[in-house]
C-alpha atoms as a PDB file:
ATOM      1  CA  MET A   1       0.113   2.662  33.863  1.00  0.00           C
ATOM      2  CA  GLU A   2      -3.132   0.744  33.736  1.00  0.00           C
ATOM      3  CA  GLN A   3      -5.680   1.925  36.238  1.00  0.00           C
ATOM      4  CA  LYS A   4      -6.964  -0.697  38.664  1.00  0.00           C
ATOM      5  CA  PRO A   5     -10.716  -1.182  38.618  1.00  0.00           C
ATOM      6  CA  SER A   6     -12.614   0.358  41.494  1.00  0.00           C
ATOM      7  CA  LYS A   7     -13.963  -1.816  44.258  1.00  0.00           C
ATOM      8  CA  ALA A   8     -17.448  -1.445  42.804  1.00  0.00           C
ATOM      9  CA  ALA A   9     -16.214  -2.401  39.371  1.00  0.00           C
ATOM     10  CA  ALA A  10     -14.271  -5.364  40.738  1.00  0.00           C
ATOM     11  CA  THR A  11     -17.258  -6.787  42.581  1.00  0.00           C
ATOM     12  CA  ASP A  12     -19.818  -5.838  39.909  1.00  0.00           C
ATOM     13  CA  ASP A  13     -22.612  -5.255  42.402  1.00  0.00           C
ATOM     14  CA  PRO A  14     -25.859  -6.645  40.929  1.00  0.00           C
ATOM     15  CA  ALA A  15     -27.733  -3.389  41.571  1.00  0.00           C
ATOM     16  CA  LEU A  16     -25.055  -1.374  39.759  1.00  0.00           C
ATOM     17  CA  VAL A  17     -25.037  -3.838  36.877  1.00  0.00           C
ATOM     18  CA  ALA A  18     -28.820  -3.665  36.595  1.00  0.00           C
ATOM     19  CA  ALA A  19     -28.745   0.136  36.550  1.00  0.00           C
ATOM     20  CA  PHE A  20     -25.961   0.097  33.964  1.00  0.00           C
ATOM     21  CA  GLU A  21     -27.793  -2.321  31.693  1.00  0.00           C
ATOM     22  CA  ALA A  22     -30.979  -0.255  32.012  1.00  0.00           C
ATOM     23  CA  ARG A  23     -29.061   2.772  30.758  1.00  0.00           C
ATOM     24  CA  ILE A  24     -27.711   0.748  27.845  1.00  0.00           C
ATOM     25  CA  ALA A  25     -31.204  -0.508  26.994  1.00  0.00           C
ATOM     26  CA  ALA A  26     -32.497   3.068  27.085  1.00  0.00           C
ATOM     27  CA  GLY A  27     -29.855   4.096  24.555  1.00  0.00           C
ATOM     28  CA  GLU A  28     -27.965   6.352  26.942  1.00  0.00           C
ATOM     29  CA  SER A  29     -24.313   7.194  26.423  1.00  0.00           C
ATOM     30  CA  ILE A  30     -21.804   5.903  28.962  1.00  0.00           C
ATOM     31  CA  GLU A  31     -19.182   8.505  29.891  1.00  0.00           C
ATOM     32  CA  PRO A  32     -15.730   8.056  31.506  1.00  0.00           C
ATOM     33  CA  LYS A  33     -16.789   9.008  35.049  1.00  0.00           C
ATOM     34  CA  ASP A  34     -19.870   6.782  34.980  1.00  0.00           C
ATOM     35  CA  TRP A  35     -19.821   3.444  36.727  1.00  0.00           C
ATOM     36  CA  MET A  36     -19.360   0.524  34.353  1.00  0.00           C
ATOM     37  CA  PRO A  37     -18.755  -3.222  34.775  1.00  0.00           C
ATOM     38  CA  ASP A  38     -15.083  -4.129  34.775  1.00  0.00           C
ATOM     39  CA  ARG A  39     -15.681  -6.471  31.850  1.00  0.00           C
ATOM     40  CA  TYR A  40     -17.197  -3.607  29.808  1.00  0.00           C
ATOM     41  CA  ARG A  41     -14.143  -1.460  30.540  1.00  0.00           C
ATOM     42  CA  ARG A  42     -11.736  -4.233  29.563  1.00  0.00           C
ATOM     43  CA  GLN A  43     -13.572  -5.149  26.374  1.00  0.00           C
ATOM     44  CA  LEU A  44     -13.618  -1.517  25.295  1.00  0.00           C
ATOM     45  CA  THR A  45      -9.934  -1.093  26.109  1.00  0.00           C
ATOM     46  CA  ARG A  46      -9.079  -4.160  24.048  1.00  0.00           C
ATOM     47  CA  MET A  47     -11.236  -3.085  21.120  1.00  0.00           C
ATOM     48  CA  MET A  48     -10.162   0.560  21.091  1.00  0.00           C
ATOM     49  CA  SER A  49      -6.467  -0.210  21.529  1.00  0.00           C
ATOM     50  CA  GLN A  50      -6.625  -2.677  18.631  1.00  0.00           C
ATOM     51  CA  HIS A  51      -8.270   0.043  16.527  1.00  0.00           C
ATOM     52  CA  ALA A  52      -5.634   2.629  17.491  1.00  0.00           C
ATOM     53  CA  HIS A  53      -2.790   0.201  16.774  1.00  0.00           C
ATOM     54  CA  SER A  54      -4.326  -0.550  13.376  1.00  0.00           C
ATOM     55  CA  GLU A  55      -4.322   3.128  12.460  1.00  0.00           C
ATOM     56  CA  ILE A  56      -0.639   3.458  13.382  1.00  0.00           C
ATOM     57  CA  VAL A  57       0.553   0.233  11.745  1.00  0.00           C
ATOM     58  CA  GLY A  58      -1.645   1.055   8.744  1.00  0.00           C
ATOM     59  CA  MET A  59       0.617   4.019   7.989  1.00  0.00           C
ATOM     60  CA  LEU A  60       3.466   1.669   7.055  1.00  0.00           C
ATOM     61  CA  PRO A  61       2.305  -0.014   3.812  1.00  0.00           C
ATOM     62  CA  GLU A  62       1.219   3.341   2.352  1.00  0.00           C
ATOM     63  CA  GLY A  63       4.041   5.469   3.719  1.00  0.00           C
ATOM     64  CA  ASN A  64       6.445   3.282   1.783  1.00  0.00           C
ATOM     65  CA  TRP A  65       4.874   4.573  -1.468  1.00  0.00           C
ATOM     66  CA  ILE A  66       4.954   8.322  -0.811  1.00  0.00           C
ATOM     67  CA  THR A  67       8.250   8.856  -2.641  1.00  0.00           C
ATOM     68  CA  ARG A  68       7.156   6.549  -5.480  1.00  0.00           C
ATOM     69  CA  ALA A  69       3.717   8.046  -6.131  1.00  0.00           C
ATOM     70  CA  PRO A  70       3.340   8.795  -9.865  1.00  0.00           C
ATOM     71  CA  SER A  71       2.675  12.541  -9.583  1.00  0.00           C
ATOM     72  CA  LEU A  72       3.003  15.463  -7.198  1.00  0.00           C
ATOM     73  CA  ARG A  73      -0.771  15.443  -6.672  1.00  0.00           C
ATOM     74  CA  ARG A  74      -0.721  11.775  -5.735  1.00  0.00           C
ATOM     75  CA  LYS A  75       2.183  12.380  -3.341  1.00  0.00           C
ATOM     76  CA  MET A  76       0.348  15.218  -1.618  1.00  0.00           C
ATOM     77  CA  CYS A  77      -2.837  13.170  -1.279  1.00  0.00           C
ATOM     78  CA  LEU A  78      -0.985  10.175   0.118  1.00  0.00           C
ATOM     79  CA  ILE A  79       0.986  12.287   2.592  1.00  0.00           C
ATOM     80  CA  ALA A  80      -2.275  13.816   3.812  1.00  0.00           C
ATOM     81  CA  LYS A  81      -3.847  10.382   4.183  1.00  0.00           C
ATOM     82  CA  VAL A  82      -0.946   8.945   6.178  1.00  0.00           C
ATOM     83  CA  GLN A  83      -1.019  12.037   8.373  1.00  0.00           C
ATOM     84  CA  ASP A  84      -4.750  11.511   8.960  1.00  0.00           C
ATOM     85  CA  GLU A  85      -4.110   7.938  10.058  1.00  0.00           C
ATOM     86  CA  ALA A  86      -1.554   9.077  12.613  1.00  0.00           C
ATOM     87  CA  GLY A  87      -4.138  11.508  13.956  1.00  0.00           C
ATOM     88  CA  HIS A  88      -6.785   8.797  14.123  1.00  0.00           C
ATOM     89  CA  GLY A  89      -4.478   6.585  16.155  1.00  0.00           C
ATOM     90  CA  LEU A  90      -3.702   9.394  18.590  1.00  0.00           C
ATOM     91  CA  TYR A  91      -7.379  10.300  18.861  1.00  0.00           C
ATOM     92  CA  ILE A  92      -8.363   6.746  19.802  1.00  0.00           C
ATOM     93  CA  TYR A  93      -5.402   6.325  22.179  1.00  0.00           C
ATOM     94  CA  CYS A  94      -6.698   9.422  23.982  1.00  0.00           C
ATOM     95  CA  GLY A  95     -10.141   7.838  24.107  1.00  0.00           C
ATOM     96  CA  THR A  96      -8.691   4.655  25.579  1.00  0.00           C
ATOM     97  CA  GLU A  97      -6.949   6.671  28.291  1.00  0.00           C
ATOM     98  CA  THR A  98     -10.400   7.708  29.537  1.00  0.00           C
ATOM     99  CA  LEU A  99     -10.854   4.036  30.452  1.00  0.00           C
ATOM    100  CA  GLY A 100      -7.755   4.082  32.650  1.00  0.00           C
ATOM    101  CA  THR A 101      -4.982   2.745  30.404  1.00  0.00           C
ATOM    102  CA  ASP A 102      -2.364   5.241  29.297  1.00  0.00           C
ATOM    103  CA  ARG A 103      -0.858   5.435  25.840  1.00  0.00           C
ATOM    104  CA  GLN A 104       2.602   4.312  26.959  1.00  0.00           C
ATOM    105  CA  THR A 105       1.155   1.035  28.208  1.00  0.00           C
ATOM    106  CA  LEU A 106      -0.719   0.504  24.948  1.00  0.00           C
ATOM    107  CA  VAL A 107       2.364   1.223  22.824  1.00  0.00           C
ATOM    108  CA  GLU A 108       4.429  -1.184  24.911  1.00  0.00           C
ATOM    109  CA  GLN A 109       1.814  -3.875  24.345  1.00  0.00           C
ATOM    110  CA  LEU A 110       2.003  -3.302  20.592  1.00  0.00           C
ATOM    111  CA  LEU A 111       5.798  -3.410  20.516  1.00  0.00           C
ATOM    112  CA  ASP A 112       6.106  -6.545  22.660  1.00  0.00           C
ATOM    113  CA  GLY A 113       3.552  -8.367  20.527  1.00  0.00           C
ATOM    114  CA  THR A 114       0.850  -8.823  23.172  1.00  0.00           C
ATOM    115  CA  ALA A 115      -1.593  -6.446  21.465  1.00  0.00           C
ATOM    116  CA  LYS A 116      -3.282  -7.090  18.137  1.00  0.00           C
ATOM    117  CA  TYR A 117      -3.992  -4.872  15.154  1.00  0.00           C
ATOM    118  CA  SER A 118      -5.966  -5.476  11.973  1.00  0.00           C
ATOM    119  CA  SER A 119      -4.710  -8.485  10.012  1.00  0.00           C
ATOM    120  CA  ILE A 120      -5.029  -6.558   6.735  1.00  0.00           C
ATOM    121  CA  PHE A 121      -1.868  -4.561   7.393  1.00  0.00           C
ATOM    122  CA  ASN A 122       0.288  -7.676   7.339  1.00  0.00           C
ATOM    123  CA  TYR A 123       0.033  -7.925   3.553  1.00  0.00           C
ATOM    124  CA  PRO A 124       2.590  -6.294   1.219  1.00  0.00           C
ATOM    125  CA  THR A 125       1.995  -3.402  -1.181  1.00  0.00           C
ATOM    126  CA  LEU A 126       3.649  -4.613  -4.377  1.00  0.00           C
ATOM    127  CA  THR A 127       2.496  -1.962  -6.868  1.00  0.00           C
ATOM    128  CA  TRP A 128       0.959   1.497  -6.970  1.00  0.00           C
ATOM    129  CA  ALA A 129      -2.396  -0.185  -7.632  1.00  0.00           C
ATOM    130  CA  ASP A 130      -2.205  -1.662  -4.126  1.00  0.00           C
ATOM    131  CA  ILE A 131      -2.434   1.864  -2.716  1.00  0.00           C
ATOM    132  CA  GLY A 132      -5.649   2.373  -4.660  1.00  0.00           C
ATOM    133  CA  CYS A 133      -7.075  -0.906  -3.385  1.00  0.00           C
ATOM    134  CA  ILE A 134      -6.187  -0.080   0.199  1.00  0.00           C
ATOM    135  CA  GLY A 135      -8.071   3.202  -0.048  1.00  0.00           C
ATOM    136  CA  TRP A 136     -11.027   1.660  -1.838  1.00  0.00           C
ATOM    137  CA  LEU A 137     -11.326  -1.686  -0.033  1.00  0.00           C
ATOM    138  CA  VAL A 138      -9.579  -1.349   3.317  1.00  0.00           C
ATOM    139  CA  ASP A 139     -10.844   2.140   4.111  1.00  0.00           C
ATOM    140  CA  GLY A 140     -14.193   1.211   2.582  1.00  0.00           C
ATOM    141  CA  ALA A 141     -14.465  -1.730   4.972  1.00  0.00           C
ATOM    142  CA  ALA A 142     -13.394   0.506   7.849  1.00  0.00           C
ATOM    143  CA  ILE A 143     -16.163   2.982   7.029  1.00  0.00           C
ATOM    144  CA  VAL A 144     -18.812   0.236   7.065  1.00  0.00           C
ATOM    145  CA  ASN A 145     -17.614  -0.798  10.515  1.00  0.00           C
ATOM    146  CA  GLN A 146     -16.979   2.652  11.940  1.00  0.00           C
ATOM    147  CA  THR A 147     -20.237   4.296  10.925  1.00  0.00           C
ATOM    148  CA  VAL A 148     -21.923   1.739  13.166  1.00  0.00           C
ATOM    149  CA  LEU A 149     -19.400   2.408  15.939  1.00  0.00           C
ATOM    150  CA  ALA A 150     -20.410   6.080  15.784  1.00  0.00           C
ATOM    151  CA  LYS A 151     -23.511   4.864  17.643  1.00  0.00           C
ATOM    152  CA  ALA A 152     -21.537   2.877  20.223  1.00  0.00           C
ATOM    153  CA  SER A 153     -22.671   3.087  23.838  1.00  0.00           C
ATOM    154  CA  TYR A 154     -19.340   4.530  25.042  1.00  0.00           C
ATOM    155  CA  GLY A 155     -19.436   8.258  24.391  1.00  0.00           C
ATOM    156  CA  PRO A 156     -15.754   9.066  23.721  1.00  0.00           C
ATOM    157  CA  TYR A 157     -15.432   6.219  21.210  1.00  0.00           C
ATOM    158  CA  ALA A 158     -18.662   7.105  19.415  1.00  0.00           C
ATOM    159  CA  ARG A 159     -17.694  10.767  19.113  1.00  0.00           C
ATOM    160  CA  ALA A 160     -14.244   9.856  17.815  1.00  0.00           C
ATOM    161  CA  MET A 161     -15.836   7.798  15.048  1.00  0.00           C
ATOM    162  CA  ILE A 162     -17.872  10.735  13.752  1.00  0.00           C
ATOM    163  CA  ARG A 163     -14.756  12.732  12.937  1.00  0.00           C
ATOM    164  CA  ILE A 164     -12.741   9.730  11.766  1.00  0.00           C
ATOM    165  CA  CYS A 165     -15.452   8.532   9.368  1.00  0.00           C
ATOM    166  CA  LYS A 166     -15.553  11.920   7.644  1.00  0.00           C
ATOM    167  CA  GLU A 167     -11.845  11.655   6.893  1.00  0.00           C
ATOM    168  CA  GLU A 168     -12.055   7.970   5.963  1.00  0.00           C
ATOM    169  CA  ASN A 169     -14.604   8.869   3.305  1.00  0.00           C
ATOM    170  CA  PHE A 170     -11.989  11.048   1.626  1.00  0.00           C
ATOM    171  CA  HIS A 171      -9.506   8.176   1.848  1.00  0.00           C
ATOM    172  CA  LYS A 172     -11.923   5.823   0.159  1.00  0.00           C
ATOM    173  CA  ARG A 173     -12.606   8.336  -2.624  1.00  0.00           C
ATOM    174  CA  GLN A 174      -8.899   8.813  -3.159  1.00  0.00           C
ATOM    175  CA  GLY A 175      -8.378   5.055  -3.420  1.00  0.00           C
ATOM    176  CA  TYR A 176     -11.296   4.508  -5.763  1.00  0.00           C
ATOM    177  CA  GLU A 177     -10.092   7.352  -7.987  1.00  0.00           C
ATOM    178  CA  ILE A 178      -6.720   5.609  -8.319  1.00  0.00           C
ATOM    179  CA  VAL A 179      -8.445   2.291  -9.067  1.00  0.00           C
ATOM    180  CA  ALA A 180     -10.798   3.834 -11.640  1.00  0.00           C
ATOM    181  CA  THR A 181      -7.939   5.683 -13.352  1.00  0.00           C
ATOM    182  CA  LEU A 182      -5.888   2.512 -13.691  1.00  0.00           C
ATOM    183  CA  ALA A 183      -8.881   0.375 -14.690  1.00  0.00           C
ATOM    184  CA  THR A 184      -9.681   2.700 -17.595  1.00  0.00           C
ATOM    185  CA  GLY A 185      -6.045   3.227 -18.566  1.00  0.00           C
ATOM    186  CA  THR A 186      -3.691   1.098 -20.628  1.00  0.00           C
ATOM    187  CA  PRO A 187      -4.022  -2.703 -20.733  1.00  0.00           C
ATOM    188  CA  ALA A 188      -0.974  -2.942 -18.465  1.00  0.00           C
ATOM    189  CA  GLN A 189      -2.512  -0.545 -15.950  1.00  0.00           C
ATOM    190  CA  LYS A 190      -5.788  -2.427 -15.908  1.00  0.00           C
ATOM    191  CA  ALA A 191      -3.945  -5.719 -15.441  1.00  0.00           C
ATOM    192  CA  MET A 192      -2.015  -4.196 -12.529  1.00  0.00           C
ATOM    193  CA  VAL A 193      -5.133  -3.014 -10.696  1.00  0.00           C
ATOM    194  CA  GLN A 194      -6.959  -6.298 -11.392  1.00  0.00           C
ATOM    195  CA  ASP A 195      -4.018  -8.157  -9.851  1.00  0.00           C
ATOM    196  CA  ALA A 196      -4.153  -5.878  -6.809  1.00  0.00           C
ATOM    197  CA  LEU A 197      -7.892  -6.491  -6.415  1.00  0.00           C
ATOM    198  CA  ASN A 198      -7.298 -10.228  -6.647  1.00  0.00           C
ATOM    199  CA  ARG A 199      -4.805 -10.054  -3.783  1.00  0.00           C
ATOM    200  CA  TRP A 200      -6.682  -7.637  -1.497  1.00  0.00           C
ATOM    201  CA  TRP A 201     -10.249  -8.882  -1.850  1.00  0.00           C
ATOM    202  CA  TRP A 202     -10.227 -11.819   0.536  1.00  0.00           C
ATOM    203  CA  PRO A 203      -8.091 -10.123   3.233  1.00  0.00           C
ATOM    204  CA  SER A 204     -10.539  -7.203   3.070  1.00  0.00           C
ATOM    205  CA  LEU A 205     -13.439  -9.549   3.833  1.00  0.00           C
ATOM    206  CA  MET A 206     -11.463 -10.945   6.759  1.00  0.00           C
ATOM    207  CA  MET A 207     -11.176  -7.447   8.268  1.00  0.00           C
ATOM    208  CA  PHE A 208     -14.615  -7.776   9.850  1.00  0.00           C
ATOM    209  CA  GLY A 209     -13.414 -10.637  12.012  1.00  0.00           C
ATOM    210  CA  PRO A 210     -14.447 -14.270  12.272  1.00  0.00           C
ATOM    211  CA  SER A 211     -17.877 -15.538  11.361  1.00  0.00           C
ATOM    212  CA  ASP A 212     -20.430 -14.804  14.070  1.00  0.00           C
ATOM    213  CA  LYS A 213     -20.420 -18.394  15.293  1.00  0.00           C
ATOM    214  CA  ASP A 214     -16.646 -18.225  15.863  1.00  0.00           C
ATOM    215  CA  SER A 215     -16.383 -14.699  17.286  1.00  0.00           C
ATOM    216  CA  PRO A 216     -15.595 -14.850  21.028  1.00  0.00           C
ATOM    217  CA  ASN A 217     -16.426 -11.209  21.801  1.00  0.00           C
ATOM    218  CA  SER A 218     -19.343 -10.246  19.553  1.00  0.00           C
ATOM    219  CA  ALA A 219     -22.188 -11.405  21.800  1.00  0.00           C
ATOM    220  CA  GLU A 220     -20.981  -9.343  24.736  1.00  0.00           C
ATOM    221  CA  LEU A 221     -20.262  -6.252  22.637  1.00  0.00           C
ATOM    222  CA  LEU A 222     -23.692  -6.481  21.038  1.00  0.00           C
ATOM    223  CA  LYS A 223     -25.365  -6.855  24.434  1.00  0.00           C
ATOM    224  CA  TRP A 224     -23.677  -3.663  25.614  1.00  0.00           C
ATOM    225  CA  ARG A 225     -24.355  -1.896  22.300  1.00  0.00           C
ATOM    226  CA  VAL A 226     -20.709  -1.216  21.694  1.00  0.00           C
ATOM    227  CA  LYS A 227     -21.376  -2.970  18.394  1.00  0.00           C
ATOM    228  CA  ARG A 228     -24.764  -2.659  16.730  1.00  0.00           C
ATOM    229  CA  LYS A 229     -24.316  -5.243  13.962  1.00  0.00           C
ATOM    230  CA  THR A 230     -22.596  -8.610  13.780  1.00  0.00           C
ATOM    231  CA  ASN A 231     -19.403  -9.335  11.863  1.00  0.00           C
ATOM    232  CA  ASP A 232     -21.310 -11.203   9.168  1.00  0.00           C
ATOM    233  CA  GLU A 233     -23.887  -8.421   8.776  1.00  0.00           C
ATOM    234  CA  LEU A 234     -21.169  -5.814   8.327  1.00  0.00           C
ATOM    235  CA  ARG A 235     -19.258  -8.036   5.903  1.00  0.00           C
ATOM    236  CA  GLN A 236     -22.365  -8.530   3.766  1.00  0.00           C
ATOM    237  CA  ARG A 237     -23.026  -4.796   3.642  1.00  0.00           C
ATOM    238  CA  PHE A 238     -19.462  -4.181   2.495  1.00  0.00           C
ATOM    239  CA  VAL A 239     -19.795  -6.744  -0.304  1.00  0.00           C
ATOM    240  CA  ASN A 240     -23.125  -5.280  -1.421  1.00  0.00           C
ATOM    241  CA  LEU A 241     -21.602  -1.803  -1.645  1.00  0.00           C
ATOM    242  CA  THR A 242     -18.345  -2.827  -3.286  1.00  0.00           C
ATOM    243  CA  VAL A 243     -19.391  -5.206  -6.065  1.00  0.00           C
ATOM    244  CA  PRO A 244     -21.238  -2.537  -8.116  1.00  0.00           C
ATOM    245  CA  GLN A 245     -18.260  -0.197  -7.737  1.00  0.00           C
ATOM    246  CA  ALA A 246     -15.959  -2.788  -9.289  1.00  0.00           C
ATOM    247  CA  GLN A 247     -18.437  -3.519 -12.067  1.00  0.00           C
ATOM    248  CA  ALA A 248     -18.610   0.203 -12.901  1.00  0.00           C
ATOM    249  CA  VAL A 249     -14.929   0.215 -13.888  1.00  0.00           C
ATOM    250  CA  GLY A 250     -14.826  -3.244 -15.462  1.00  0.00           C
ATOM    251  CA  LEU A 251     -13.049  -5.169 -12.710  1.00  0.00           C
ATOM    252  CA  THR A 252     -13.880  -8.679 -11.534  1.00  0.00           C
ATOM    253  CA  PHE A 253     -13.513 -10.507  -8.243  1.00  0.00           C
ATOM    254  CA  PRO A 254     -11.431 -13.627  -7.542  1.00  0.00           C
ATOM    255  CA  ASP A 255     -14.520 -15.506  -6.420  1.00  0.00           C
ATOM    256  CA  PRO A 256     -16.278 -17.902  -8.826  1.00  0.00           C
ATOM    257  CA  ASP A 257     -19.136 -18.265  -6.334  1.00  0.00           C
ATOM    258  CA  LEU A 258     -20.007 -14.563  -6.275  1.00  0.00           C
ATOM    259  CA  LYS A 259     -23.582 -14.068  -7.495  1.00  0.00           C
ATOM    260  CA  TYR A 260     -26.559 -11.830  -6.873  1.00  0.00           C
ATOM    261  CA  ASP A 261     -29.486 -13.256  -4.919  1.00  0.00           C
ATOM    262  CA  GLU A 262     -32.704 -11.503  -5.901  1.00  0.00           C
ATOM    263  CA  ALA A 263     -34.648 -12.804  -2.924  1.00  0.00           C
ATOM    264  CA  SER A 264     -32.329 -11.293  -0.316  1.00  0.00           C
ATOM    265  CA  GLU A 265     -30.947  -8.560  -2.596  1.00  0.00           C
ATOM    266  CA  ASP A 266     -27.479  -9.572  -1.413  1.00  0.00           C
ATOM    267  CA  TRP A 267     -24.343 -10.518  -3.299  1.00  0.00           C
ATOM    268  CA  LYS A 268     -23.553 -14.039  -2.111  1.00  0.00           C
ATOM    269  CA  PHE A 269     -19.847 -14.818  -1.922  1.00  0.00           C
ATOM    270  CA  GLY A 270     -17.713 -17.916  -1.536  1.00  0.00           C
ATOM    271  CA  ALA A 271     -16.057 -19.436   1.505  1.00  0.00           C
ATOM    272  CA  ILE A 272     -13.384 -17.363   3.259  1.00  0.00           C
ATOM    273  CA  ASP A 273     -10.105 -19.105   4.119  1.00  0.00           C
ATOM    274  CA  TRP A 274     -10.229 -18.622   7.874  1.00  0.00           C
ATOM    275  CA  ASP A 275      -7.102 -20.737   8.325  1.00  0.00           C
ATOM    276  CA  GLU A 276      -5.176 -17.956   6.577  1.00  0.00           C
ATOM    277  CA  PHE A 277      -6.813 -15.342   8.785  1.00  0.00           C
ATOM    278  CA  PHE A 278      -5.876 -17.077  12.025  1.00  0.00           C
ATOM    279  CA  GLU A 279      -2.330 -17.705  10.822  1.00  0.00           C
ATOM    280  CA  VAL A 280      -1.899 -13.994  10.165  1.00  0.00           C
ATOM    281  CA  ILE A 281      -3.381 -13.180  13.588  1.00  0.00           C
ATOM    282  CA  LYS A 282      -0.863 -15.550  15.172  1.00  0.00           C
ATOM    283  CA  GLY A 283       1.972 -13.583  13.584  1.00  0.00           C
ATOM    284  CA  ASN A 284       2.604 -15.740  10.533  1.00  0.00           C
ATOM    285  CA  GLY A 285       1.432 -13.341   7.821  1.00  0.00           C
ATOM    286  CA  PRO A 286       3.651 -12.098   4.976  1.00  0.00           C
ATOM    287  CA  CYS A 287       4.659  -8.880   6.783  1.00  0.00           C
ATOM    288  CA  ASN A 288       3.965  -9.395  10.512  1.00  0.00           C
ATOM    289  CA  GLN A 289       7.609  -9.314  11.535  1.00  0.00           C
ATOM    290  CA  ASP A 290       8.429  -6.417   9.217  1.00  0.00           C
ATOM    291  CA  ARG A 291       5.588  -4.280  10.568  1.00  0.00           C
ATOM    292  CA  ILE A 292       6.520  -4.733  14.219  1.00  0.00           C
ATOM    293  CA  ALA A 293      10.218  -4.282  13.453  1.00  0.00           C
ATOM    294  CA  ALA A 294       9.426  -0.982  11.720  1.00  0.00           C
ATOM    295  CA  ARG A 295       7.377   0.228  14.692  1.00  0.00           C
ATOM    296  CA  ARG A 296      10.099  -0.744  17.161  1.00  0.00           C
ATOM    297  CA  LYS A 297      12.715   1.058  15.071  1.00  0.00           C
ATOM    298  CA  ALA A 298      10.587   4.207  14.902  1.00  0.00           C
ATOM    299  CA  HIS A 299       9.942   4.046  18.647  1.00  0.00           C
ATOM    300  CA  ASP A 300      13.642   3.680  19.459  1.00  0.00           C
ATOM    301  CA  GLU A 301      14.673   6.456  17.098  1.00  0.00           C
ATOM    302  CA  GLY A 302      12.065   8.752  18.634  1.00  0.00           C
ATOM    303  CA  GLN A 303      13.336   8.273  22.177  1.00  0.00           C
ATOM    304  CA  TRP A 304      15.283  11.537  22.117  1.00  0.00           C
ATOM    305  CA  VAL A 305      12.160  13.454  21.127  1.00  0.00           C
ATOM    306  CA  ARG A 306      10.220  12.047  24.084  1.00  0.00           C
ATOM    307  CA  GLU A 307      13.085  12.821  26.442  1.00  0.00           C
ATOM    308  CA  ALA A 308      13.428  16.367  25.111  1.00  0.00           C
ATOM    309  CA  SER A 309       9.680  16.945  25.431  1.00  0.00           C
ATOM    310  CA  ALA A 310       9.684  15.671  29.016  1.00  0.00           C
ATOM    311  CA  ALA A 311      12.657  17.874  29.899  1.00  0.00           C
ATOM    312  CA  TYR A 312      10.974  20.901  28.343  1.00  0.00           C
ATOM    313  CA  ALA A 313       7.766  20.233  30.276  1.00  0.00           C
ATOM    314  CA  GLU A 314       9.709  19.898  33.540  1.00  0.00           C
ATOM    315  CA  LYS A 315      11.576  23.125  32.829  1.00  0.00           C
ATOM    316  CA  ASN A 316       8.347  25.013  32.202  1.00  0.00           C
ATOM    317  CA  ALA A 317       6.783  23.542  35.335  1.00  0.00           C
ATOM    318  CA  ALA A 318       9.788  24.650  37.402  1.00  0.00           C
ATOM    319  CA  ARG A 319       9.564  28.176  36.000  1.00  0.00           C
ATOM    320  CA  SER A 320       5.862  28.327  36.807  1.00  0.00           C
ATOM    321  CA  THR A 321       6.578  27.209  40.378  1.00  0.00           C
ATOM    322  CA  GLU A 322       9.284  29.848  40.808  1.00  0.00           C
ATOM    323  CA  ALA A 323       7.024  32.569  39.422  1.00  0.00           C
ATOM    324  CA  ALA A 324       4.283  31.594  41.843  1.00  0.00           C
END
């Protein structure tokens, strides 16, 4: 159950706010038992729960390919990756609980459609090359974002990112290896991975969120140093890192406006279709309904496990009481 804000948090006493903001400005880490403005707590809960949900929903498009991976090695790698993502979700759910919202509440919000997760996971995985592009692009974009979050002002979230980023780096390498193998393979294999890149490129750029001028939360998160860079800054860094990687294996991007600017040393890219992004966020993406239906099914089918675990815990607690 969600924890109610304390009286101090609810009133946001100016002296407490000033002391809090001074700590933020000094680069101090905010810990769970520290006083924090209610708005800071709520923004973090929203952001962290969305991240945790994304890790869990992100298991679905890749998990569907475990049995169809082209070799035993690929199967083992993909199983390990999906398992990592489950662990990441649990890790961040635990971090969100330190803010006063338990995991059951967060899961209910995901299942009833009131919580969001990354728009990227509402696109289908049509071929094995899609799995490579997810590792290379989606996890690559996540790393760009999460390495900055490892310096977030909220201690539990920042520490979680350090471990998660180490594992995400392996995921990206796995994806890029798949992409490079296909790109240097037969003409049919190269065509397959080029098609996957064409479909995943623009949704990957959308992962960083709306342009800074249209982002409703960025200013506040930057002020509190939860975020250290804007959406557009992170997106540009991702493009700068990714374009040379594609060029190295002979792939091209579905963007006729992509070009290198020597003055800024940035790769300039074309306009993003934000109408598509907001439609997916609203629930109208290719796989929105399928993803939530799959999570609801898994939740319902796991009910007996939760009940058995609760009964076992109660039994152990009763035995401990009797022994005492």
